[in-house]
Each structure stands twice: as structure tokens, then as C-alpha cells.
Amino acid sequence: MKYEVNSNYLAVTPLVKNIENYFQSSTKILYDKRNEIRLVEFEEKKYVVKLFRVPNLINQYVYHYLRSSKAKRSYQYSKKIGESLCPAAIAYREEYNGARLAKSYYISSYFDYDFTINALLINNSHEDYIKILELFADFTYTLHEKGILHRDYSHGNILIKKDRVDYQFRVIDVNRMQFKSLSIGDRLNNFSRLSANDEVMKIVVGRYAQHINIPIDKAVAIAISRRDKFMKKRRMKNKLRGR
């Protein structure tokens, strides 16, 4: 068994050491598909615990010897991104069966969000609909300027909370990241998973284009083209898988 606790949250170490008991005792399931996410309470505070699906046999060895596990990457990347942009990284824990990775957990702080970008797009009657989309573009620009490229920047991975003054944004599911200087192509391609609605793309990418100082029409055309290419590729994959 291996684990690491963020030095700013060492008081949570007992939770990490007994994570399976706390996880199984929680009835607050936030997500339960490939991986399972539960809300866990410890000493009157809430934490999000993600139990990753057991990898295939080859990756059980790969994650031991050659590559960091998804739990460890989530922890390391969240620390690198920072608490103003994603929920705070608390700890990760890995359990092994000999040389094979058996279980892995990632623990983060709980961001008490109001809705996701996905919920906003489904219910576009929100009074601040356009404002939120434009603020999302600003948030994305902040990520990109810090050299952060979320490789699964989909609508379910962007959390939004209304505060007294404005809206706060956080990204989650961060085990697939790149940290580098981003080209214009990298930046606009990052919107390809956002929405099939051209009007949404025009609002978000139009605002983003103002930050990077390129013509709005050009930026929107590139982003929509990249999105259409991505969606076509995804449809083909789903067809091959019989979905």
C-alpha cells in the first residue's frame, strides 16, 4: 500500500489510512459508472473520494513500474493546477496485490457547486446564461495562460458556483492533462467537446477570441471545425462498439 497526503491537510491522514471503511460507509454516491465517486464526511468536513476502476491486467503492472496511476496523477495534477482552478488535492492511496495495482483512491476537497456547464446548456433559460458562458471563456483563458490543457474538457467536468458577486468555476477529472505552452490550435481545439450547438460555440469562442486577439469569425470557424471532426470520430467509434 502507498499513499501521500498533502502537507496542508495532514489532519486527514486517518481518513486516508482507513479510506475503504469510510468509502463503503458513505451512502452519498455522486457517480457510479466506470469509476465510483462518493461524498465522505470526516471530522465534520466533506471530501470527495474517487475509487478508480481496476485497470486491465497489463496496466496493473504498468501503473506499478512504468507510469503513475490515475489516482496519483489526479493528485499531482490537482496540486499543480491549484485550488483556485480545481478542488484542492488532499491525498491519494494505492493498494497492490503483489506487483499488480488492485485499488486506487483519489481524495479532494468538496466544491459545493450549484450546477455544471452541462446543466446550463440543457436549461438555457438561466437569467445569466450568456454571462456565464462568457465567464467560462474567461476561465478557460486563465487555464490556458497558465499552460494547462485539460484533455477531457467536457461539459460534465466544469463545475459552477454562484457566490455573492459572481460565478466561480472549477475543473475536475484531471488525470488527463498536459502542461505546456499552448498554440492557437491547442486552445481552440480544447472547446471541441463543449457543445453541438453552434450558438454556444459562437458565444464562448467569440469571447475567448478577444483574449487571444484573433478575428472572432476565424476563431469560431476553427473551433466548430475541430468540434465537428471530433464528433464524427466519436460517432464512428461508437458505431464500431455497437452503441
Protein backbone atom coordinates (compact mmCIF):
# COMPACT_ATOMS: atom_id res chain seq x y z
CA MET A 1 0.00 0.00 0.00
CA LYS A 2 1.23 3.50 -0.88
CA TYR A 3 -0.28 6.88 -0.13
CA GLU A 4 0.57 10.55 0.07
CA VAL A 5 -1.25 13.30 1.95
CA ASN A 6 -0.96 16.95 1.01
CA SER A 7 1.18 18.67 3.67
CA ASN A 8 -1.55 21.31 4.04
CA TYR A 9 -4.08 18.64 5.05
CA LEU A 10 -2.17 16.23 7.28
CA ALA A 11 -5.09 16.11 9.72
CA VAL A 12 -6.89 13.98 7.10
CA THR A 13 -4.30 11.17 7.35
CA PRO A 14 -6.59 8.91 9.45
CA LEU A 15 -9.19 9.13 6.69
CA VAL A 16 -6.61 8.08 4.11
CA LYS A 17 -5.39 5.16 6.21
CA ASN A 18 -8.96 3.89 6.64
CA ILE A 19 -10.31 5.01 3.29
CA GLU A 20 -12.09 1.79 2.39
CA ASN A 21 -14.19 1.82 5.57
CA TYR A 22 -15.14 5.46 5.12
CA PHE A 23 -15.87 4.96 1.43
CA GLN A 24 -18.08 1.90 1.89
CA SER A 25 -19.92 3.54 4.80
CA SER A 26 -20.90 6.54 2.72
CA THR A 27 -24.34 6.42 1.09
CA LYS A 28 -23.81 9.65 -0.85
CA ILE A 29 -22.89 8.35 -4.29
CA LEU A 30 -22.08 11.15 -6.74
CA TYR A 31 -21.15 8.98 -9.71
CA ASP A 32 -21.15 5.25 -10.38
CA LYS A 33 -20.17 4.15 -13.86
CA ARG A 34 -16.62 3.22 -14.85
CA ASN A 35 -15.32 4.72 -11.62
CA GLU A 36 -17.19 5.41 -8.41
CA ILE A 37 -17.30 8.73 -6.57
CA ARG A 38 -18.72 9.23 -3.10
CA LEU A 39 -19.05 12.13 -0.69
CA VAL A 40 -17.32 11.23 2.58
CA GLU A 41 -17.52 13.12 5.86
CA PHE A 42 -14.57 13.23 8.22
CA GLU A 43 -14.39 15.37 11.35
CA GLU A 44 -17.37 17.47 10.23
CA LYS A 45 -15.89 18.24 6.82
CA LYS A 46 -16.86 16.87 3.41
CA TYR A 47 -14.45 15.25 0.98
CA VAL A 48 -14.88 13.72 -2.46
CA VAL A 49 -13.38 10.25 -2.81
CA LYS A 50 -12.93 8.67 -6.23
CA LEU A 51 -12.36 4.93 -6.47
CA PHE A 52 -10.89 4.13 -9.86
CA ARG A 53 -11.93 1.04 -11.76
CA VAL A 54 -9.39 -1.77 -11.53
CA PRO A 55 -7.26 -1.47 -14.70
CA ASN A 56 -6.78 -4.32 -17.13
CA LEU A 57 -4.10 -6.89 -16.35
CA ILE A 58 -1.32 -5.21 -18.35
CA ASN A 59 -1.99 -1.79 -16.83
CA GLN A 60 -1.99 -3.27 -13.34
CA TYR A 61 1.74 -3.82 -13.87
CA VAL A 62 2.26 -0.64 -15.93
CA TYR A 63 0.88 1.53 -13.12
CA HIS A 64 3.31 -0.11 -10.72
CA TYR A 65 6.54 0.04 -12.71
CA LEU A 66 6.22 2.41 -15.67
CA ARG A 67 3.53 5.02 -15.16
CA SER A 68 1.73 6.80 -12.33
CA SER A 69 -1.75 5.54 -11.55
CA LYS A 70 -4.78 7.70 -12.38
CA ALA A 71 -5.22 8.39 -8.67
CA LYS A 72 -1.63 9.60 -8.29
CA ARG A 73 -1.85 11.71 -11.45
CA SER A 74 -5.12 13.26 -10.25
CA TYR A 75 -3.41 14.21 -7.00
CA GLN A 76 -0.25 15.57 -8.61
CA TYR A 77 -2.04 17.45 -11.37
CA SER A 78 -4.57 19.00 -8.98
CA LYS A 79 -1.73 20.31 -6.83
CA LYS A 80 -0.09 21.75 -9.91
CA ILE A 81 -3.29 23.37 -11.19
CA GLY A 82 -4.04 24.99 -7.84
CA GLU A 83 -7.04 25.36 -5.58
CA SER A 84 -8.40 28.45 -7.36
CA LEU A 85 -8.99 26.37 -10.51
CA CYS A 86 -9.84 22.87 -9.22
CA PRO A 87 -10.88 21.31 -5.90
CA ALA A 88 -7.95 21.00 -3.53
CA ALA A 89 -5.85 17.84 -3.76
CA ILE A 90 -6.00 16.10 -0.39
CA ALA A 91 -4.40 12.67 -0.91
CA TYR A 92 -4.16 9.54 -3.00
CA ARG A 93 -3.83 5.90 -1.99
CA GLU A 94 -2.83 2.80 -3.95
CA GLU A 95 -3.27 -0.82 -2.90
CA TYR A 96 -1.33 -3.67 -4.50
CA ASN A 97 -1.72 -7.38 -4.98
CA GLY A 98 1.92 -8.32 -5.23
CA ALA A 99 3.25 -6.31 -8.18
CA ARG A 100 -0.22 -5.51 -9.52
CA LEU A 101 -2.26 -2.40 -8.77
CA ALA A 102 -5.52 -3.55 -7.18
CA LYS A 103 -7.29 -0.39 -5.96
CA SER A 104 -6.58 3.31 -6.13
CA TYR A 105 -8.33 6.24 -4.49
CA TYR A 106 -8.10 9.98 -5.02
CA ILE A 107 -9.36 12.36 -2.34
CA SER A 108 -10.15 16.01 -2.96
CA SER A 109 -11.92 18.80 -1.14
CA TYR A 110 -15.65 19.17 -1.76
CA PHE A 111 -16.58 22.09 -4.01
CA ASP A 112 -20.22 22.84 -3.21
CA TYR A 113 -21.20 23.73 -6.77
CA ASP A 114 -24.64 24.76 -7.99
CA PHE A 115 -24.55 23.24 -11.47
CA THR A 116 -22.28 22.09 -14.28
CA ILE A 117 -21.84 23.61 -17.71
CA ASN A 118 -23.86 20.65 -18.99
CA ALA A 119 -26.84 21.60 -16.80
CA LEU A 120 -26.60 25.18 -18.02
CA LEU A 121 -26.61 24.10 -21.67
CA ILE A 122 -29.64 21.86 -21.12
CA ASN A 123 -31.53 24.63 -19.35
CA ASN A 124 -30.62 27.72 -21.34
CA SER A 125 -33.32 29.80 -19.65
CA HIS A 126 -30.95 30.77 -16.83
CA GLU A 127 -31.06 34.55 -16.32
CA ASP A 128 -27.26 34.79 -16.60
CA TYR A 129 -26.91 32.27 -19.42
CA ILE A 130 -24.77 34.39 -21.75
CA LYS A 131 -22.81 35.94 -18.89
CA ILE A 132 -21.88 32.51 -17.50
CA LEU A 133 -20.75 31.28 -20.91
CA GLU A 134 -18.58 34.36 -21.32
CA LEU A 135 -17.14 33.91 -17.82
CA PHE A 136 -16.44 30.28 -18.72
CA ALA A 137 -14.45 31.55 -21.71
CA ASP A 138 -12.51 33.83 -19.34
CA PHE A 139 -11.86 30.88 -17.01
CA THR A 140 -10.62 28.76 -19.90
CA TYR A 141 -8.29 31.55 -20.96
CA THR A 142 -6.86 31.63 -17.40
CA LEU A 143 -6.18 27.89 -17.58
CA HIS A 144 -4.54 28.20 -20.98
CA GLU A 145 -2.38 31.14 -19.99
CA LYS A 146 -1.02 29.03 -17.14
CA GLY A 147 -0.11 26.32 -19.68
CA ILE A 148 -2.88 23.98 -18.52
CA LEU A 149 -4.57 21.81 -21.17
CA HIS A 150 -7.38 19.59 -19.86
CA ARG A 151 -7.60 16.70 -22.32
CA ASP A 152 -11.13 15.79 -21.25
CA TYR A 153 -12.57 19.32 -21.18
CA SER A 154 -16.17 18.16 -21.49
CA HIS A 155 -19.29 19.81 -20.11
CA GLY A 156 -19.59 17.42 -17.15
CA ASN A 157 -16.12 18.31 -15.89
CA ILE A 158 -16.74 22.01 -15.32
CA LEU A 159 -18.41 22.93 -12.03
CA ILE A 160 -20.04 26.32 -11.39
CA LYS A 161 -20.98 28.02 -8.13
CA LYS A 162 -22.77 31.32 -7.63
CA ASP A 163 -21.23 33.49 -4.93
CA ARG A 164 -22.24 36.94 -3.68
CA VAL A 165 -20.52 38.76 -6.51
CA ASP A 166 -20.21 36.43 -9.48
CA TYR A 167 -19.66 32.82 -10.55
CA GLN A 168 -16.79 30.53 -9.62
CA PHE A 169 -15.54 27.73 -11.88
CA ARG A 170 -13.57 24.57 -11.11
CA VAL A 171 -12.36 21.72 -13.33
CA ILE A 172 -12.49 18.10 -12.19
CA ASP A 173 -11.42 14.70 -13.56
CA VAL A 174 -7.90 15.96 -14.12
CA ASN A 175 -5.87 12.75 -14.55
CA ARG A 176 -5.52 13.51 -18.29
CA MET A 177 -3.65 16.79 -18.50
CA GLN A 178 -0.85 18.45 -20.42
CA PHE A 179 1.24 21.32 -19.13
CA LYS A 180 2.90 23.27 -21.91
CA SER A 181 2.87 26.48 -23.91
CA LEU A 182 -0.31 26.31 -25.99
CA SER A 183 -0.67 27.14 -29.67
CA ILE A 184 -3.85 28.73 -31.04
CA GLY A 185 -4.78 25.32 -32.42
CA ASP A 186 -4.37 23.72 -28.97
CA ARG A 187 -6.52 26.41 -27.42
CA LEU A 188 -9.41 26.27 -29.89
CA ASN A 189 -9.34 22.50 -30.11
CA ASN A 190 -9.94 22.41 -26.35
CA PHE A 191 -13.54 23.53 -26.98
CA SER A 192 -14.32 20.56 -29.25
CA ARG A 193 -16.16 18.61 -26.52
CA LEU A 194 -18.18 21.55 -25.27
CA SER A 195 -21.39 21.67 -27.31
CA ALA A 196 -23.02 20.64 -30.58
CA ASN A 197 -24.87 23.96 -30.54
CA ASP A 198 -23.22 26.49 -32.86
CA GLU A 199 -24.70 29.42 -30.94
CA VAL A 200 -23.00 28.24 -27.75
CA MET A 201 -19.71 27.94 -29.61
CA LYS A 202 -20.11 31.45 -31.02
CA ILE A 203 -20.66 32.93 -27.56
CA VAL A 204 -17.83 31.09 -25.82
CA VAL A 205 -15.23 31.12 -28.59
CA GLY A 206 -16.18 34.66 -29.60
CA ARG A 207 -15.38 35.86 -26.10
CA TYR A 208 -12.21 33.76 -25.98
CA ALA A 209 -11.02 35.19 -29.31
CA GLN A 210 -10.97 38.66 -27.76
CA HIS A 211 -8.42 37.45 -25.23
CA ILE A 212 -6.06 35.97 -27.81
CA ASN A 213 -6.53 38.85 -30.24
CA ILE A 214 -7.61 37.00 -33.37
CA PRO A 215 -10.72 37.66 -35.52
CA ILE A 216 -13.85 36.23 -33.91
CA ASP A 217 -15.18 34.70 -37.15
CA LYS A 218 -11.89 32.92 -37.75
CA ALA A 219 -11.70 31.56 -34.19
CA VAL A 220 -15.31 30.33 -34.24
CA ALA A 221 -14.84 28.66 -37.64
CA ILE A 222 -11.72 26.81 -36.43
CA ALA A 223 -13.36 25.71 -33.17
CA ILE A 224 -16.53 24.45 -34.88
CA SER A 225 -14.47 22.61 -37.49
CA ARG A 226 -12.42 20.91 -34.76
CA ARG A 227 -15.62 20.04 -32.88
CA ASP A 228 -17.28 18.53 -35.95
CA LYS A 229 -14.19 16.44 -36.63
CA PHE A 230 -14.13 15.22 -33.03
CA MET A 231 -17.83 14.33 -33.04
CA LYS A 232 -17.55 12.47 -36.34
CA LYS A 233 -14.67 10.43 -34.94
CA ARG A 234 -16.64 9.69 -31.77
CA ARG A 235 -19.70 8.57 -33.76
CA MET A 236 -17.54 6.19 -35.75
CA LYS A 237 -16.04 4.73 -32.57
CA ASN A 238 -19.48 4.27 -31.04
CA LYS A 239 -20.71 2.59 -34.19
CA LEU A 240 -17.81 0.16 -34.13
CA ARG A 241 -18.58 -0.60 -30.50
CA GLY A 242 -22.24 -1.21 -31.32
CA ARG A 243 -23.54 1.78 -29.38
